[in-house]
């Protein structure tokens, strides 16, 4: 009972001993930056870690250190890769495909992979063209063009979100590929205006892939 009361006091901001420890305060700030988490949720997580030092905190710290050291983004396709064995998406992929699906981020790739509606290569841009965050030079668009030229690619499927930034990025990709003999298509029906790929259910993704439209570059 005492432990429950203590947690409640901390979460309500009535007990400030956590803020008096610099390491704890910094950890709360970092965790609160994660998607879907705020200061209160971050405090709950920190308390859980403190109460499970050996069972959870120690192995988590060790795993995070290993991920930081051994996992990075591929400079060619943008996928996560192991620094020891290379990129399974474009370097060491035993399967040879003739399609590349272009997505904004790794979460979009995982959503499409989990739906099992697409078999082919992925290309992760690392964001969308935006006046406030990314320029076209910041995205892996030039490396996409290089992949299409070097590999036996017949179709590029643009799977950017139906937002202004996503559509702008899609148009720029199409323009970048216009001199290459490759079919360029884009997800169509089932993809709502303003919808983000990672938030769509499998049925909606299936419809979007099945009914994708050609947008030039030998799209007939």
N, C-alpha and C. Protein backbone atom coordinates (compact mmCIF):
# COMPACT_ATOMS: atom_id res chain seq x y z
N UNK A 1 0.83 -1.20 0.00
CA UNK A 1 0.00 0.00 0.00
C UNK A 1 0.87 1.25 0.00
N UNK A 2 1.92 1.21 0.78
CA UNK A 2 2.84 2.35 0.85
C UNK A 2 3.48 2.61 -0.50
N UNK A 3 3.83 1.53 -1.19
CA UNK A 3 4.48 1.66 -2.49
C UNK A 3 3.52 2.30 -3.50
N UNK A 4 2.25 1.90 -3.47
CA UNK A 4 1.26 2.47 -4.37
C UNK A 4 1.08 3.96 -4.11
N UNK A 5 1.00 4.32 -2.83
CA UNK A 5 0.85 5.73 -2.47
C UNK A 5 2.05 6.54 -2.93
N UNK A 6 3.23 5.95 -2.81
CA UNK A 6 4.45 6.63 -3.23
C UNK A 6 4.43 6.91 -4.72
N UNK A 7 4.00 5.91 -5.50
CA UNK A 7 3.92 6.08 -6.95
C UNK A 7 2.94 7.19 -7.30
N UNK A 8 1.78 7.17 -6.63
CA UNK A 8 0.77 8.20 -6.89
C UNK A 8 1.30 9.60 -6.59
N UNK A 9 2.04 9.71 -5.50
CA UNK A 9 2.60 11.01 -5.14
C UNK A 9 3.58 11.50 -6.18
N UNK A 10 4.41 10.59 -6.67
CA UNK A 10 5.38 10.97 -7.70
C UNK A 10 4.69 11.40 -8.97
N UNK A 11 3.70 10.62 -9.41
CA UNK A 11 3.03 10.91 -10.66
C UNK A 11 2.22 12.20 -10.58
N UNK A 12 1.78 12.56 -9.41
CA UNK A 12 1.01 13.79 -9.24
C UNK A 12 1.90 15.00 -9.01
N UNK A 13 3.19 14.80 -9.00
CA UNK A 13 4.10 15.91 -8.83
C UNK A 13 4.19 16.41 -7.41
N UNK A 14 3.73 15.63 -6.42
CA UNK A 14 3.74 16.06 -5.02
C UNK A 14 5.00 15.62 -4.29
N UNK A 15 5.82 14.82 -4.99
CA UNK A 15 7.07 14.37 -4.37
C UNK A 15 8.16 14.62 -5.38
N UNK A 16 9.14 15.37 -5.02
CA UNK A 16 10.12 15.86 -5.98
C UNK A 16 11.49 15.23 -5.85
N UNK A 17 11.56 14.09 -5.16
CA UNK A 17 12.89 13.53 -4.98
C UNK A 17 13.49 13.08 -6.31
N UNK A 18 12.64 12.69 -7.28
CA UNK A 18 13.16 12.27 -8.58
C UNK A 18 13.85 13.42 -9.29
N UNK A 19 13.27 14.62 -9.18
CA UNK A 19 13.85 15.77 -9.85
C UNK A 19 15.15 16.23 -9.18
N UNK A 20 15.41 15.74 -8.00
CA UNK A 20 16.64 16.11 -7.30
C UNK A 20 17.82 15.25 -7.71
N UNK A 21 17.58 14.23 -8.50
CA UNK A 21 18.64 13.36 -8.99
C UNK A 21 18.80 13.63 -10.47
N UNK A 22 19.93 14.17 -10.86
CA UNK A 22 20.13 14.61 -12.23
C UNK A 22 19.94 13.49 -13.24
N UNK A 23 20.46 12.30 -12.93
CA UNK A 23 20.37 11.19 -13.87
C UNK A 23 18.91 10.78 -14.11
N UNK A 24 18.12 10.77 -13.03
CA UNK A 24 16.71 10.42 -13.14
C UNK A 24 15.97 11.45 -13.96
N UNK A 25 16.24 12.71 -13.68
CA UNK A 25 15.58 13.80 -14.40
C UNK A 25 15.89 13.75 -15.89
N UNK A 26 17.14 13.47 -16.21
CA UNK A 26 17.54 13.39 -17.62
C UNK A 26 16.88 12.20 -18.30
N UNK A 27 16.78 11.07 -17.59
CA UNK A 27 16.14 9.88 -18.16
C UNK A 27 14.66 10.14 -18.43
N UNK A 28 13.98 10.81 -17.50
CA UNK A 28 12.57 11.14 -17.69
C UNK A 28 12.40 12.03 -18.92
N UNK A 29 13.27 13.01 -19.09
CA UNK A 29 13.18 13.92 -20.23
C UNK A 29 13.38 13.16 -21.54
N UNK A 30 14.33 12.24 -21.56
CA UNK A 30 14.60 11.48 -22.79
C UNK A 30 13.44 10.56 -23.14
N UNK A 31 12.93 9.84 -22.16
CA UNK A 31 11.83 8.91 -22.42
C UNK A 31 10.57 9.65 -22.85
N UNK A 32 10.35 10.83 -22.30
CA UNK A 32 9.15 11.60 -22.65
C UNK A 32 9.18 12.08 -24.10
N UNK A 33 10.35 12.01 -24.76
CA UNK A 33 10.46 12.40 -26.16
C UNK A 33 10.04 11.28 -27.11
N UNK A 34 9.84 10.07 -26.58
CA UNK A 34 9.42 8.96 -27.41
C UNK A 34 7.97 9.14 -27.85
N UNK A 35 7.60 8.61 -29.04
CA UNK A 35 6.23 8.79 -29.54
C UNK A 35 5.18 8.27 -28.56
N UNK A 36 4.16 9.07 -28.32
CA UNK A 36 3.06 8.66 -27.48
C UNK A 36 3.30 8.76 -25.98
N UNK A 37 4.45 9.26 -25.59
CA UNK A 37 4.78 9.34 -24.17
C UNK A 37 4.94 10.80 -23.73
N UNK A 38 4.43 11.10 -22.54
CA UNK A 38 4.61 12.40 -21.93
C UNK A 38 5.35 12.26 -20.62
N UNK A 39 5.48 13.34 -19.87
CA UNK A 39 6.22 13.29 -18.60
C UNK A 39 5.68 12.27 -17.60
N UNK A 40 4.36 12.15 -17.47
CA UNK A 40 3.80 11.20 -16.50
C UNK A 40 4.09 9.76 -16.90
N UNK A 41 3.91 9.46 -18.19
CA UNK A 41 4.21 8.12 -18.67
C UNK A 41 5.69 7.81 -18.52
N UNK A 42 6.53 8.82 -18.78
CA UNK A 42 7.97 8.64 -18.64
C UNK A 42 8.35 8.33 -17.20
N UNK A 43 7.68 9.00 -16.25
CA UNK A 43 7.96 8.73 -14.83
C UNK A 43 7.57 7.31 -14.46
N UNK A 44 6.44 6.83 -14.98
CA UNK A 44 6.03 5.45 -14.71
C UNK A 44 7.08 4.46 -15.21
N UNK A 45 7.58 4.74 -16.41
CA UNK A 45 8.58 3.84 -16.99
C UNK A 45 9.87 3.87 -16.17
N UNK A 46 10.30 5.05 -15.76
CA UNK A 46 11.51 5.17 -14.96
C UNK A 46 11.36 4.43 -13.63
N UNK A 47 10.21 4.58 -12.99
CA UNK A 47 9.95 3.86 -11.74
C UNK A 47 9.99 2.36 -11.95
N UNK A 48 9.42 1.89 -13.06
CA UNK A 48 9.45 0.47 -13.37
C UNK A 48 10.89 -0.02 -13.55
N UNK A 49 11.69 0.77 -14.24
CA UNK A 49 13.08 0.40 -14.46
C UNK A 49 13.85 0.35 -13.14
N UNK A 50 13.61 1.33 -12.29
CA UNK A 50 14.30 1.37 -11.00
C UNK A 50 13.93 0.17 -10.14
N UNK A 51 12.66 -0.20 -10.20
CA UNK A 51 12.19 -1.33 -9.39
C UNK A 51 12.57 -2.68 -9.96
N UNK A 52 13.06 -2.70 -11.20
CA UNK A 52 13.48 -3.96 -11.83
C UNK A 52 14.88 -3.78 -12.43
N UNK A 53 15.79 -3.37 -11.60
CA UNK A 53 17.14 -3.04 -12.07
C UNK A 53 17.80 -4.21 -12.78
N UNK A 54 17.81 -5.36 -12.15
CA UNK A 54 18.51 -6.52 -12.72
C UNK A 54 17.69 -7.22 -13.80
N UNK A 55 16.36 -7.28 -13.61
CA UNK A 55 15.51 -7.99 -14.56
C UNK A 55 15.28 -7.21 -15.85
N UNK A 56 15.24 -5.89 -15.76
CA UNK A 56 14.87 -5.08 -16.92
C UNK A 56 15.87 -3.99 -17.27
N UNK A 57 16.24 -3.17 -16.29
CA UNK A 57 17.10 -2.03 -16.58
C UNK A 57 18.47 -2.45 -17.13
N UNK A 58 19.12 -3.40 -16.48
CA UNK A 58 20.46 -3.81 -16.89
C UNK A 58 20.47 -4.43 -18.28
N UNK A 59 19.60 -5.43 -18.57
CA UNK A 59 19.60 -5.98 -19.93
C UNK A 59 19.16 -4.97 -20.99
N UNK A 60 18.25 -4.06 -20.64
CA UNK A 60 17.83 -3.04 -21.60
C UNK A 60 18.97 -2.10 -21.94
N UNK A 61 19.72 -1.69 -20.91
CA UNK A 61 20.87 -0.80 -21.14
C UNK A 61 21.90 -1.49 -22.03
N UNK A 62 22.12 -2.78 -21.77
CA UNK A 62 23.09 -3.54 -22.57
C UNK A 62 22.63 -3.67 -24.02
N UNK A 63 21.34 -3.96 -24.21
CA UNK A 63 20.80 -4.11 -25.56
C UNK A 63 20.82 -2.79 -26.32
N UNK A 64 20.46 -1.70 -25.64
CA UNK A 64 20.51 -0.38 -26.29
C UNK A 64 21.92 -0.04 -26.75
N UNK A 65 22.91 -0.38 -25.93
CA UNK A 65 24.30 -0.11 -26.29
C UNK A 65 24.70 -0.93 -27.53
N UNK A 66 24.23 -2.19 -27.58
CA UNK A 66 24.55 -3.04 -28.73
C UNK A 66 23.88 -2.51 -30.00
N UNK A 67 22.63 -2.09 -29.88
CA UNK A 67 21.92 -1.54 -31.04
C UNK A 67 22.60 -0.28 -31.53
N UNK A 68 22.98 0.59 -30.59
CA UNK A 68 23.67 1.84 -30.96
C UNK A 68 24.98 1.55 -31.71
N UNK A 69 25.68 0.52 -31.27
CA UNK A 69 26.98 0.20 -31.85
C UNK A 69 26.87 -0.57 -33.16
N UNK A 70 25.90 -1.48 -33.26
CA UNK A 70 25.90 -2.45 -34.35
C UNK A 70 24.82 -2.24 -35.41
N UNK A 71 23.85 -1.36 -35.18
CA UNK A 71 22.75 -1.19 -36.12
C UNK A 71 22.75 0.25 -36.65
N UNK A 72 22.60 0.39 -37.95
CA UNK A 72 22.55 1.71 -38.56
C UNK A 72 21.67 1.66 -39.80
N UNK A 73 21.45 2.81 -40.43
CA UNK A 73 20.67 2.86 -41.66
C UNK A 73 21.58 2.65 -42.86
N UNK A 74 21.10 1.88 -43.82
CA UNK A 74 21.84 1.66 -45.06
C UNK A 74 21.86 2.95 -45.87
N UNK A 75 23.03 3.32 -46.35
CA UNK A 75 23.16 4.56 -47.13
C UNK A 75 22.54 4.45 -48.52
N UNK A 76 22.31 3.22 -48.96
CA UNK A 76 21.76 3.00 -50.29
C UNK A 76 20.24 2.97 -50.30
N UNK A 77 19.65 2.11 -49.41
CA UNK A 77 18.20 1.93 -49.44
C UNK A 77 17.49 2.51 -48.22
N UNK A 78 18.23 2.88 -47.18
CA UNK A 78 17.62 3.49 -46.00
C UNK A 78 17.10 2.51 -44.97
N UNK A 79 17.18 1.20 -45.23
CA UNK A 79 16.70 0.21 -44.27
C UNK A 79 17.68 0.05 -43.12
N UNK A 80 17.19 -0.54 -42.03
CA UNK A 80 18.09 -0.85 -40.93
C UNK A 80 18.99 -2.01 -41.32
N UNK A 81 20.24 -1.93 -40.93
CA UNK A 81 21.18 -3.00 -41.26
C UNK A 81 22.09 -3.27 -40.09
N UNK A 82 22.59 -4.50 -40.05
CA UNK A 82 23.61 -4.87 -39.08
C UNK A 82 24.97 -4.50 -39.65
N UNK A 83 25.76 -3.78 -38.88
CA UNK A 83 27.07 -3.35 -39.37
C UNK A 83 28.01 -4.53 -39.62
N UNK A 84 27.67 -5.70 -39.06
CA UNK A 84 28.55 -6.86 -39.21
C UNK A 84 28.22 -7.71 -40.44
N UNK A 85 26.95 -7.71 -40.86
CA UNK A 85 26.57 -8.58 -41.99
C UNK A 85 26.01 -7.80 -43.18
N UNK A 86 25.88 -6.51 -43.07
CA UNK A 86 25.39 -5.72 -44.18
C UNK A 86 23.87 -5.61 -44.21
N UNK A 87 23.35 -5.11 -45.33
CA UNK A 87 21.92 -4.82 -45.46
C UNK A 87 21.19 -5.98 -46.11
N UNK A 88 20.22 -6.54 -45.42
CA UNK A 88 19.43 -7.64 -45.97
C UNK A 88 18.45 -7.17 -47.03
N UNK A 89 18.17 -5.89 -47.06
CA UNK A 89 17.19 -5.38 -48.02
C UNK A 89 17.78 -5.22 -49.42
N UNK A 90 19.02 -4.77 -49.53
CA UNK A 90 19.56 -4.52 -50.86
C UNK A 90 20.93 -5.16 -51.13
N UNK A 91 21.69 -5.45 -50.06
CA UNK A 91 23.04 -5.99 -50.27
C UNK A 91 23.07 -7.51 -50.27
N UNK A 92 22.44 -8.10 -49.27
CA UNK A 92 22.54 -9.55 -49.09
C UNK A 92 21.23 -10.28 -49.35
N UNK A 93 20.29 -9.62 -50.02
CA UNK A 93 18.99 -10.24 -50.28
C UNK A 93 19.14 -11.32 -51.35
N UNK A 94 18.86 -12.58 -50.96
CA UNK A 94 19.00 -13.70 -51.89
C UNK A 94 17.88 -13.70 -52.93
N UNK A 95 16.74 -13.10 -52.58
CA UNK A 95 15.63 -13.03 -53.52
C UNK A 95 15.83 -11.87 -54.48
N UNK A 96 15.62 -12.14 -55.75
CA UNK A 96 15.75 -11.10 -56.76
C UNK A 96 14.36 -10.65 -57.20
N UNK A 97 14.09 -9.37 -57.02
CA UNK A 97 12.79 -8.82 -57.36
C UNK A 97 12.93 -7.80 -58.48
N UNK A 98 11.82 -7.49 -59.12
CA UNK A 98 11.84 -6.47 -60.18
C UNK A 98 11.03 -5.23 -59.79
N UNK A 99 10.67 -5.13 -58.51
CA UNK A 99 9.90 -3.98 -58.02
C UNK A 99 10.58 -3.36 -56.80
N UNK A 100 10.44 -2.05 -56.68
CA UNK A 100 10.89 -1.32 -55.48
C UNK A 100 9.70 -0.52 -54.95
N UNK A 101 9.41 -0.69 -53.68
CA UNK A 101 8.36 0.09 -53.02
C UNK A 101 9.03 1.22 -52.22
N UNK A 102 8.68 2.44 -52.55
CA UNK A 102 9.29 3.61 -51.92
C UNK A 102 8.40 4.09 -50.78
N UNK A 103 8.94 4.13 -49.57
CA UNK A 103 8.17 4.57 -48.39
C UNK A 103 8.93 5.70 -47.69
N UNK A 104 8.21 6.37 -46.79
CA UNK A 104 8.80 7.51 -46.10
C UNK A 104 9.75 7.09 -44.99
N UNK A 105 9.36 6.08 -44.22
CA UNK A 105 10.14 5.71 -43.05
C UNK A 105 10.07 4.21 -42.80
N UNK A 106 10.84 3.74 -41.83
CA UNK A 106 10.94 2.32 -41.54
C UNK A 106 9.62 1.78 -40.99
N UNK A 107 8.87 2.60 -40.25
CA UNK A 107 7.57 2.16 -39.74
C UNK A 107 6.63 1.80 -40.88
N UNK A 108 6.69 2.56 -41.98
CA UNK A 108 5.86 2.26 -43.15
C UNK A 108 6.28 0.93 -43.77
N UNK A 109 7.59 0.70 -43.86
CA UNK A 109 8.08 -0.57 -44.38
C UNK A 109 7.56 -1.74 -43.55
N UNK A 110 7.66 -1.63 -42.24
CA UNK A 110 7.20 -2.71 -41.36
C UNK A 110 5.71 -2.96 -41.53
N UNK A 111 4.92 -1.90 -41.67
CA UNK A 111 3.47 -2.06 -41.83
C UNK A 111 3.15 -2.84 -43.10
N UNK A 112 3.83 -2.50 -44.19
CA UNK A 112 3.58 -3.19 -45.46
C UNK A 112 4.09 -4.62 -45.40
N UNK A 113 5.25 -4.84 -44.80
CA UNK A 113 5.78 -6.20 -44.66
C UNK A 113 4.84 -7.07 -43.85
N UNK A 114 4.33 -6.54 -42.74
CA UNK A 114 3.45 -7.32 -41.87
C UNK A 114 2.13 -7.68 -42.54
N UNK A 115 1.71 -6.89 -43.51
CA UNK A 115 0.46 -7.17 -44.20
C UNK A 115 0.59 -8.28 -45.24
N UNK A 116 1.83 -8.61 -45.62
CA UNK A 116 2.12 -9.70 -46.59
C UNK A 116 1.44 -9.48 -47.94
N UNK A 117 1.26 -8.23 -48.34
CA UNK A 117 0.61 -7.95 -49.62
C UNK A 117 1.60 -7.56 -50.70
N UNK A 118 2.86 -7.47 -50.35
CA UNK A 118 3.86 -7.01 -51.31
C UNK A 118 5.13 -7.82 -51.15
N UNK A 119 5.68 -8.27 -52.28
CA UNK A 119 6.97 -8.94 -52.30
C UNK A 119 7.89 -8.19 -53.26
N UNK A 120 8.91 -7.61 -52.71
CA UNK A 120 9.84 -6.85 -53.53
C UNK A 120 10.80 -6.08 -52.64
N UNK A 121 11.62 -5.26 -53.27
CA UNK A 121 12.56 -4.44 -52.51
C UNK A 121 11.84 -3.25 -51.89
N UNK A 122 12.45 -2.69 -50.87
CA UNK A 122 11.97 -1.45 -50.26
C UNK A 122 13.03 -0.38 -50.42
N UNK A 123 12.57 0.87 -50.44
CA UNK A 123 13.48 2.00 -50.41
C UNK A 123 12.90 3.01 -49.43
N UNK A 124 13.63 3.29 -48.36
CA UNK A 124 13.14 4.17 -47.30
C UNK A 124 13.78 5.54 -47.46
N UNK A 125 12.96 6.53 -47.74
CA UNK A 125 13.45 7.88 -48.04
C UNK A 125 14.06 8.57 -46.83
N UNK A 126 13.47 8.34 -45.66
CA UNK A 126 13.92 9.03 -44.46
C UNK A 126 13.10 10.28 -44.16
N UNK A 127 11.89 10.36 -44.74
CA UNK A 127 11.02 11.50 -44.51
C UNK A 127 10.36 11.96 -45.80
N UNK A 128 9.83 13.16 -45.78
CA UNK A 128 9.21 13.75 -46.96
C UNK A 128 9.76 15.17 -47.16
N UNK A 129 9.59 15.66 -48.37
CA UNK A 129 10.03 17.03 -48.65
C UNK A 129 9.11 17.99 -47.90
N UNK A 130 9.71 18.83 -47.09
CA UNK A 130 8.94 19.77 -46.28
C UNK A 130 9.73 21.06 -46.10
N UNK A 131 9.02 22.16 -46.14
CA UNK A 131 9.69 23.46 -45.98
C UNK A 131 10.25 23.64 -44.58
N UNK A 132 9.70 22.89 -43.61
CA UNK A 132 10.10 23.08 -42.21
C UNK A 132 11.11 22.04 -41.72
N UNK A 133 11.29 20.93 -42.46
CA UNK A 133 12.17 19.89 -41.94
C UNK A 133 13.14 19.35 -42.99
N UNK A 134 12.63 18.67 -44.02
CA UNK A 134 13.51 18.02 -44.98
C UNK A 134 13.51 18.71 -46.34
N UNK A 135 14.70 18.88 -46.89
CA UNK A 135 14.83 19.26 -48.28
C UNK A 135 14.96 17.99 -49.11
N UNK A 136 14.79 18.11 -50.42
CA UNK A 136 14.90 16.92 -51.26
C UNK A 136 16.30 16.32 -51.19
N UNK A 137 17.30 17.18 -50.94
CA UNK A 137 18.67 16.69 -50.83
C UNK A 137 18.89 15.85 -49.57
N UNK A 138 18.01 16.01 -48.58
CA UNK A 138 18.15 15.27 -47.32
C UNK A 138 17.61 13.85 -47.43
N UNK A 139 16.83 13.57 -48.46
CA UNK A 139 16.19 12.27 -48.62
C UNK A 139 17.00 11.40 -49.57
N UNK A 140 16.77 10.08 -49.48
CA UNK A 140 17.52 9.13 -50.32
C UNK A 140 16.85 8.97 -51.68
N UNK A 141 16.70 10.09 -52.39
CA UNK A 141 16.08 10.04 -53.72
C UNK A 141 17.13 9.76 -54.79
N UNK A 142 18.30 10.37 -54.67
CA UNK A 142 19.36 10.11 -55.65
C UNK A 142 19.80 8.65 -55.61
N UNK A 143 19.86 8.07 -54.42
CA UNK A 143 20.24 6.66 -54.32
C UNK A 143 19.15 5.76 -54.90
N UNK A 144 17.88 6.19 -54.84
CA UNK A 144 16.80 5.44 -55.48
C UNK A 144 17.00 5.39 -56.99
N UNK A 145 17.32 6.55 -57.56
CA UNK A 145 17.58 6.61 -59.00
C UNK A 145 18.74 5.69 -59.36
N UNK A 146 19.79 5.69 -58.55
CA UNK A 146 20.94 4.83 -58.81
C UNK A 146 20.55 3.35 -58.75
N UNK A 147 19.72 2.98 -57.76
CA UNK A 147 19.29 1.58 -57.64
C UNK A 147 18.49 1.14 -58.86
N UNK A 148 17.59 2.01 -59.32
CA UNK A 148 16.75 1.67 -60.47
C UNK A 148 17.62 1.48 -61.72
N UNK A 149 18.65 2.31 -61.85
CA UNK A 149 19.53 2.21 -63.01
C UNK A 149 20.38 0.94 -62.97
N UNK A 150 20.88 0.59 -61.77
CA UNK A 150 21.83 -0.52 -61.65
C UNK A 150 21.15 -1.88 -61.59
N UNK A 151 19.97 -1.94 -60.98
CA UNK A 151 19.28 -3.20 -60.80
C UNK A 151 18.22 -3.37 -61.89
N UNK A 152 17.79 -4.60 -62.10
CA UNK A 152 16.80 -4.90 -63.14
C UNK A 152 15.40 -4.61 -62.62
N UNK A 153 15.10 -3.33 -62.46
CA UNK A 153 13.84 -2.90 -61.87
C UNK A 153 12.85 -2.53 -62.98
N UNK A 154 11.66 -3.12 -62.90
CA UNK A 154 10.61 -2.85 -63.89
C UNK A 154 9.55 -1.89 -63.38
N UNK A 155 9.38 -1.82 -62.05
CA UNK A 155 8.33 -0.96 -61.51
C UNK A 155 8.79 -0.32 -60.20
N UNK A 156 8.53 0.95 -60.05
CA UNK A 156 8.74 1.67 -58.79
C UNK A 156 7.37 2.05 -58.26
N UNK A 157 7.04 1.53 -57.07
CA UNK A 157 5.75 1.82 -56.44
C UNK A 157 5.96 2.90 -55.38
N UNK A 158 5.37 4.05 -55.58
CA UNK A 158 5.51 5.15 -54.62
C UNK A 158 4.42 5.02 -53.56
N UNK A 159 4.84 4.73 -52.33
CA UNK A 159 3.89 4.51 -51.23
C UNK A 159 4.06 5.58 -50.17
N UNK A 160 4.09 6.82 -50.61
CA UNK A 160 4.14 7.92 -49.65
C UNK A 160 2.72 8.22 -49.15
N UNK A 161 2.62 8.86 -48.00
CA UNK A 161 1.33 9.15 -47.40
C UNK A 161 0.55 10.17 -48.22
N UNK A 162 -0.78 10.16 -48.04
CA UNK A 162 -1.65 11.06 -48.79
C UNK A 162 -1.75 12.42 -48.10
N UNK A 163 -0.59 12.99 -47.80
CA UNK A 163 -0.51 14.33 -47.22
C UNK A 163 0.11 15.26 -48.25
N UNK A 164 0.09 16.55 -47.98
CA UNK A 164 0.69 17.50 -48.91
C UNK A 164 2.17 17.18 -49.11
N UNK A 165 2.87 16.91 -48.00
CA UNK A 165 4.30 16.59 -48.08
C UNK A 165 4.53 15.28 -48.84
N UNK A 166 3.68 14.29 -48.56
CA UNK A 166 3.81 13.00 -49.24
C UNK A 166 3.59 13.11 -50.73
N UNK A 167 2.57 13.90 -51.13
CA UNK A 167 2.29 14.08 -52.55
C UNK A 167 3.40 14.87 -53.24
N UNK A 168 3.92 15.88 -52.56
CA UNK A 168 5.03 16.66 -53.12
C UNK A 168 6.24 15.77 -53.37
N UNK A 169 6.52 14.91 -52.40
CA UNK A 169 7.65 13.99 -52.52
C UNK A 169 7.42 13.01 -53.67
N UNK A 170 6.19 12.53 -53.81
CA UNK A 170 5.86 11.59 -54.88
C UNK A 170 6.08 12.22 -56.26
N UNK A 171 5.66 13.45 -56.41
CA UNK A 171 5.83 14.14 -57.70
C UNK A 171 7.31 14.35 -58.01
N UNK A 172 8.10 14.66 -56.98
CA UNK A 172 9.53 14.86 -57.22
C UNK A 172 10.21 13.54 -57.60
N UNK A 173 9.80 12.44 -56.96
CA UNK A 173 10.36 11.13 -57.32
C UNK A 173 10.02 10.79 -58.76
N UNK A 174 8.77 11.01 -59.14
CA UNK A 174 8.35 10.75 -60.51
C UNK A 174 9.19 11.55 -61.49
N UNK A 175 9.42 12.82 -61.18
CA UNK A 175 10.21 13.68 -62.06
C UNK A 175 11.66 13.19 -62.13
N UNK A 176 12.19 12.68 -61.03
CA UNK A 176 13.58 12.20 -60.99
C UNK A 176 13.77 10.94 -61.81
N UNK A 177 12.68 10.20 -62.03
CA UNK A 177 12.76 8.92 -62.75
C UNK A 177 12.29 9.03 -64.21
N UNK A 178 11.94 10.23 -64.66
CA UNK A 178 11.31 10.37 -65.97
C UNK A 178 12.22 10.00 -67.13
N UNK A 179 13.54 10.05 -66.92
CA UNK A 179 14.47 9.72 -68.01
C UNK A 179 14.82 8.23 -68.03
N UNK A 180 14.24 7.45 -67.11
CA UNK A 180 14.56 6.03 -67.00
C UNK A 180 13.39 5.20 -67.51
N UNK A 181 13.69 4.13 -68.22
CA UNK A 181 12.65 3.26 -68.76
C UNK A 181 12.14 2.33 -67.66
N UNK A 182 11.25 2.84 -66.84
CA UNK A 182 10.70 2.08 -65.72
C UNK A 182 9.26 2.54 -65.46
N UNK A 183 8.41 1.59 -65.11
CA UNK A 183 7.03 1.92 -64.77
C UNK A 183 6.99 2.54 -63.37
N UNK A 184 6.29 3.66 -63.24
CA UNK A 184 6.13 4.31 -61.94
C UNK A 184 4.65 4.30 -61.59
N UNK A 185 4.32 3.75 -60.43
CA UNK A 185 2.93 3.70 -59.98
C UNK A 185 2.83 4.24 -58.57
N UNK A 186 1.58 4.51 -58.17
CA UNK A 186 1.34 5.09 -56.85
C UNK A 186 0.11 4.46 -56.23
N UNK A 187 0.16 4.26 -54.91
CA UNK A 187 -0.99 3.71 -54.22
C UNK A 187 -2.19 4.61 -54.43
N UNK A 188 -3.35 3.98 -54.67
CA UNK A 188 -4.52 4.77 -55.01
C UNK A 188 -5.70 4.47 -54.10
N UNK A 189 -6.68 3.72 -54.59
CA UNK A 189 -7.90 3.49 -53.85
C UNK A 189 -7.62 2.83 -52.50
N UNK A 190 -8.34 3.29 -51.51
CA UNK A 190 -8.15 2.75 -50.17
C UNK A 190 -7.25 3.60 -49.31
N UNK A 191 -6.51 4.50 -49.94
CA UNK A 191 -5.60 5.38 -49.19
C UNK A 191 -6.29 6.72 -48.99
N UNK A 192 -6.78 7.01 -47.79
CA UNK A 192 -7.55 8.24 -47.58
C UNK A 192 -6.67 9.48 -47.63
N UNK A 193 -7.28 10.59 -48.03
CA UNK A 193 -6.55 11.85 -48.06
C UNK A 193 -6.10 12.19 -46.64
N UNK A 194 -4.82 12.50 -46.50
CA UNK A 194 -4.26 12.80 -45.19
C UNK A 194 -3.83 11.57 -44.41
N UNK A 195 -4.05 10.38 -45.00
CA UNK A 195 -3.72 9.14 -44.28
C UNK A 195 -2.24 8.83 -44.31
N UNK A 196 -1.73 8.28 -43.23
CA UNK A 196 -0.34 7.86 -43.13
C UNK A 196 -0.25 6.35 -43.24
N UNK A 197 0.76 5.85 -43.95
CA UNK A 197 0.87 4.44 -44.25
C UNK A 197 0.85 3.58 -42.99
N UNK A 198 1.64 3.95 -41.98
CA UNK A 198 1.80 3.10 -40.81
C UNK A 198 0.53 2.95 -39.99
N UNK A 199 -0.46 3.83 -40.21
CA UNK A 199 -1.70 3.76 -39.43
C UNK A 199 -2.81 3.00 -40.15
N UNK A 200 -2.55 2.52 -41.37
CA UNK A 200 -3.58 1.84 -42.14
C UNK A 200 -3.66 0.36 -41.78
N UNK A 201 -4.88 -0.20 -41.86
CA UNK A 201 -5.05 -1.63 -41.60
C UNK A 201 -4.69 -2.43 -42.85
N UNK A 202 -4.56 -3.75 -42.69
CA UNK A 202 -4.12 -4.61 -43.79
C UNK A 202 -5.07 -4.55 -44.98
N UNK A 203 -6.38 -4.49 -44.72
CA UNK A 203 -7.35 -4.44 -45.80
C UNK A 203 -7.21 -3.19 -46.64
N UNK A 204 -6.99 -2.06 -45.99
CA UNK A 204 -6.82 -0.81 -46.71
C UNK A 204 -5.54 -0.82 -47.53
N UNK A 205 -4.47 -1.36 -46.95
CA UNK A 205 -3.20 -1.46 -47.68
C UNK A 205 -3.35 -2.37 -48.89
N UNK A 206 -4.06 -3.49 -48.72
CA UNK A 206 -4.26 -4.43 -49.83
C UNK A 206 -4.98 -3.74 -50.97
N UNK A 207 -6.03 -2.99 -50.65
CA UNK A 207 -6.78 -2.27 -51.68
C UNK A 207 -5.92 -1.23 -52.37
N UNK A 208 -5.09 -0.54 -51.58
CA UNK A 208 -4.23 0.51 -52.14
C UNK A 208 -3.21 -0.07 -53.10
N UNK A 209 -2.62 -1.23 -52.76
CA UNK A 209 -1.64 -1.86 -53.64
C UNK A 209 -2.31 -2.44 -54.89
N UNK A 210 -3.43 -3.11 -54.68
CA UNK A 210 -4.11 -3.77 -55.80
C UNK A 210 -4.56 -2.78 -56.85
N UNK A 211 -4.99 -1.60 -56.40
CA UNK A 211 -5.56 -0.61 -57.31
C UNK A 211 -4.62 0.56 -57.57
N UNK A 212 -3.32 0.34 -57.39
CA UNK A 212 -2.37 1.41 -57.63
C UNK A 212 -2.43 1.88 -59.08
N UNK A 213 -2.17 3.16 -59.28
CA UNK A 213 -2.28 3.78 -60.60
C UNK A 213 -0.91 4.13 -61.15
N UNK A 214 -0.76 3.97 -62.46
CA UNK A 214 0.45 4.43 -63.12
C UNK A 214 0.45 5.94 -63.19
N UNK A 215 1.62 6.55 -63.06
CA UNK A 215 1.70 8.02 -63.09
C UNK A 215 2.79 8.48 -64.06
N UNK A 216 2.93 7.76 -65.15
CA UNK A 216 3.93 8.16 -66.14
C UNK A 216 5.07 7.18 -66.18
N UNK A 217 6.11 7.51 -66.95
CA UNK A 217 7.30 6.66 -67.09
C UNK A 217 6.90 5.25 -67.52
N UNK A 218 6.22 5.12 -68.68
CA UNK A 218 5.80 3.81 -69.17
C UNK A 218 4.86 3.12 -68.19
N UNK A 219 3.87 3.84 -67.69
CA UNK A 219 2.97 3.30 -66.69
C UNK A 219 1.82 2.50 -67.28
N UNK A 220 1.69 2.47 -68.61
CA UNK A 220 0.58 1.75 -69.22
C UNK A 220 0.76 0.23 -69.06
